[in-house]
N, C-alpha and C. Protein backbone atom coordinates (compact mmCIF):
# COMPACT_ATOMS: atom_id res chain seq x y z
N MET A 1 129.13 115.65 111.92
CA MET A 1 129.04 114.20 112.09
C MET A 1 127.62 113.80 112.53
N ILE A 2 127.12 114.47 113.54
CA ILE A 2 125.79 114.12 114.06
C ILE A 2 124.70 114.53 113.07
N ILE A 3 124.93 115.61 112.33
CA ILE A 3 123.95 116.06 111.34
C ILE A 3 123.79 115.02 110.24
N GLU A 4 124.90 114.46 109.77
CA GLU A 4 124.84 113.44 108.73
C GLU A 4 124.11 112.20 109.22
N PHE A 5 124.38 111.81 110.46
CA PHE A 5 123.71 110.65 111.05
C PHE A 5 122.21 110.88 111.15
N LEU A 6 121.82 112.04 111.63
CA LEU A 6 120.39 112.34 111.78
C LEU A 6 119.69 112.44 110.43
N SER A 7 120.36 113.00 109.43
CA SER A 7 119.73 113.07 108.10
C SER A 7 119.60 111.67 107.50
N THR A 8 120.59 110.82 107.69
CA THR A 8 120.50 109.44 107.22
C THR A 8 119.36 108.71 107.92
N LEU A 9 119.24 108.90 109.20
CA LEU A 9 118.17 108.28 109.98
C LEU A 9 116.80 108.78 109.50
N LEU A 10 116.69 110.08 109.27
CA LEU A 10 115.43 110.66 108.80
C LEU A 10 115.05 110.11 107.43
N TYR A 11 116.02 110.08 106.49
CA TYR A 11 115.74 109.55 105.16
C TYR A 11 115.38 108.07 105.20
N SER A 12 116.01 107.32 106.10
CA SER A 12 115.68 105.90 106.25
C SER A 12 114.24 105.72 106.71
N VAL A 13 113.84 106.49 107.70
CA VAL A 13 112.47 106.40 108.21
C VAL A 13 111.47 106.83 107.14
N VAL A 14 111.77 107.90 106.43
CA VAL A 14 110.88 108.37 105.38
C VAL A 14 110.76 107.31 104.28
N GLY A 15 111.87 106.68 103.90
CA GLY A 15 111.86 105.64 102.89
C GLY A 15 111.04 104.43 103.30
N ILE A 16 111.19 104.01 104.55
CA ILE A 16 110.43 102.87 105.05
C ILE A 16 108.94 103.17 105.09
N VAL A 17 108.59 104.36 105.55
CA VAL A 17 107.18 104.75 105.60
C VAL A 17 106.59 104.80 104.20
N MET A 18 107.35 105.36 103.25
CA MET A 18 106.86 105.44 101.87
C MET A 18 106.70 104.04 101.27
N LEU A 19 107.62 103.13 101.58
CA LEU A 19 107.52 101.76 101.08
C LEU A 19 106.29 101.06 101.64
N LEU A 20 106.06 101.18 102.93
CA LEU A 20 104.87 100.58 103.54
C LEU A 20 103.59 101.19 102.98
N LEU A 21 103.60 102.49 102.79
CA LEU A 21 102.44 103.16 102.21
C LEU A 21 102.18 102.66 100.79
N ALA A 22 103.23 102.45 100.02
CA ALA A 22 103.06 101.95 98.65
C ALA A 22 102.48 100.54 98.64
N VAL A 23 102.90 99.69 99.57
CA VAL A 23 102.35 98.34 99.65
C VAL A 23 100.88 98.38 100.04
N VAL A 24 100.53 99.25 100.98
CA VAL A 24 99.12 99.38 101.39
C VAL A 24 98.28 99.91 100.24
N VAL A 25 98.78 100.89 99.51
CA VAL A 25 98.05 101.43 98.37
C VAL A 25 97.85 100.36 97.29
N ALA A 26 98.91 99.58 97.01
CA ALA A 26 98.78 98.50 96.03
C ALA A 26 97.77 97.46 96.50
N ASP A 27 97.77 97.18 97.79
CA ASP A 27 96.82 96.23 98.36
C ASP A 27 95.38 96.70 98.13
N ARG A 28 95.14 97.97 98.35
CA ARG A 28 93.80 98.54 98.16
C ARG A 28 93.46 98.70 96.68
N LEU A 29 94.42 99.16 95.90
CA LEU A 29 94.18 99.44 94.49
C LEU A 29 93.85 98.18 93.70
N PHE A 30 94.58 97.11 93.95
CA PHE A 30 94.37 95.86 93.22
C PHE A 30 93.43 94.91 93.94
N ARG A 31 92.85 95.38 95.04
CA ARG A 31 91.91 94.59 95.85
C ARG A 31 92.51 93.23 96.25
N LEU A 32 93.72 93.31 96.78
CA LEU A 32 94.41 92.11 97.25
C LEU A 32 94.12 91.92 98.73
N ASN A 33 94.30 90.71 99.19
CA ASN A 33 94.19 90.43 100.61
C ASN A 33 95.51 89.77 101.03
N LEU A 34 96.47 90.61 101.43
CA LEU A 34 97.82 90.14 101.73
C LEU A 34 97.82 89.05 102.80
N ARG A 35 97.12 89.29 103.87
CA ARG A 35 97.13 88.33 104.98
C ARG A 35 96.55 86.98 104.55
N HIS A 36 95.45 87.01 103.83
CA HIS A 36 94.82 85.77 103.40
C HIS A 36 95.75 84.99 102.47
N GLU A 37 96.31 85.66 101.49
CA GLU A 37 97.17 84.98 100.51
C GLU A 37 98.45 84.45 101.13
N LEU A 38 99.08 85.22 102.01
CA LEU A 38 100.38 84.82 102.55
C LEU A 38 100.26 83.88 103.75
N VAL A 39 99.34 84.16 104.66
CA VAL A 39 99.27 83.39 105.90
C VAL A 39 98.37 82.17 105.77
N GLU A 40 97.19 82.38 105.22
CA GLU A 40 96.23 81.28 105.18
C GLU A 40 96.43 80.36 103.97
N GLU A 41 96.70 80.93 102.81
CA GLU A 41 96.84 80.13 101.59
C GLU A 41 98.27 79.67 101.34
N HIS A 42 99.25 80.27 102.03
CA HIS A 42 100.68 79.95 101.84
C HIS A 42 101.08 80.08 100.38
N ASN A 43 100.67 81.17 99.77
CA ASN A 43 100.92 81.42 98.35
C ASN A 43 102.32 82.00 98.18
N VAL A 44 103.28 81.14 97.83
CA VAL A 44 104.67 81.55 97.68
C VAL A 44 104.83 82.52 96.51
N ALA A 45 104.14 82.27 95.42
CA ALA A 45 104.24 83.15 94.26
C ALA A 45 103.78 84.57 94.61
N PHE A 46 102.75 84.68 95.41
CA PHE A 46 102.26 86.00 95.82
C PHE A 46 103.30 86.69 96.70
N GLY A 47 103.95 85.92 97.56
CA GLY A 47 105.01 86.48 98.40
C GLY A 47 106.17 87.00 97.57
N ILE A 48 106.54 86.25 96.54
CA ILE A 48 107.61 86.69 95.64
C ILE A 48 107.19 87.95 94.89
N LEU A 49 105.94 88.01 94.48
CA LEU A 49 105.42 89.19 93.80
C LEU A 49 105.50 90.42 94.70
N ILE A 50 105.09 90.30 95.93
CA ILE A 50 105.13 91.42 96.87
C ILE A 50 106.58 91.81 97.16
N ALA A 51 107.47 90.83 97.30
CA ALA A 51 108.88 91.13 97.54
C ALA A 51 109.49 91.87 96.36
N GLY A 52 109.19 91.44 95.15
CA GLY A 52 109.69 92.13 93.96
C GLY A 52 109.17 93.55 93.87
N MET A 53 107.89 93.71 94.19
CA MET A 53 107.31 95.04 94.17
C MET A 53 107.97 95.92 95.23
N ALA A 54 108.25 95.37 96.41
CA ALA A 54 108.89 96.14 97.47
C ALA A 54 110.31 96.55 97.07
N VAL A 55 111.04 95.65 96.42
CA VAL A 55 112.40 95.98 95.97
C VAL A 55 112.35 97.08 94.91
N ALA A 56 111.44 96.95 93.96
CA ALA A 56 111.32 97.95 92.89
C ALA A 56 110.95 99.32 93.46
N ILE A 57 109.97 99.36 94.34
CA ILE A 57 109.55 100.63 94.93
C ILE A 57 110.67 101.19 95.80
N GLY A 58 111.36 100.31 96.51
CA GLY A 58 112.50 100.74 97.34
C GLY A 58 113.59 101.37 96.51
N LEU A 59 113.89 100.81 95.35
CA LEU A 59 114.89 101.40 94.46
C LEU A 59 114.45 102.76 93.94
N ILE A 60 113.19 102.88 93.61
CA ILE A 60 112.67 104.17 93.16
C ILE A 60 112.76 105.21 94.26
N ILE A 61 112.38 104.83 95.47
CA ILE A 61 112.43 105.77 96.61
C ILE A 61 113.87 106.15 96.91
N ALA A 62 114.79 105.17 96.88
CA ALA A 62 116.20 105.46 97.15
C ALA A 62 116.78 106.40 96.11
N GLY A 63 116.43 106.19 94.84
CA GLY A 63 116.90 107.07 93.80
C GLY A 63 116.36 108.48 93.94
N THR A 64 115.11 108.57 94.36
CA THR A 64 114.49 109.88 94.55
C THR A 64 115.11 110.62 95.74
N ILE A 65 115.32 109.92 96.82
CA ILE A 65 115.88 110.55 98.02
C ILE A 65 117.33 110.97 97.78
N SER A 66 118.10 110.16 97.06
CA SER A 66 119.52 110.47 96.88
C SER A 66 119.78 111.57 95.86
N SER A 67 118.79 111.90 95.03
CA SER A 67 119.02 112.93 94.02
C SER A 67 118.73 114.33 94.53
């Protein structure tokens, strides 16, 4: 029981770290400025783009971890 809980917790943390790392890499790779676009410019379309990217990467990570 505790082993399953700890493995789920570990995979959750690994998935979250990988998702954040992917967003940071995309930010650097495409030379985006997340803070400027979201906070200062209030760019809703950019926020939707980042959310969609996060969902897509999250699905890929979840599929990889579960297999």
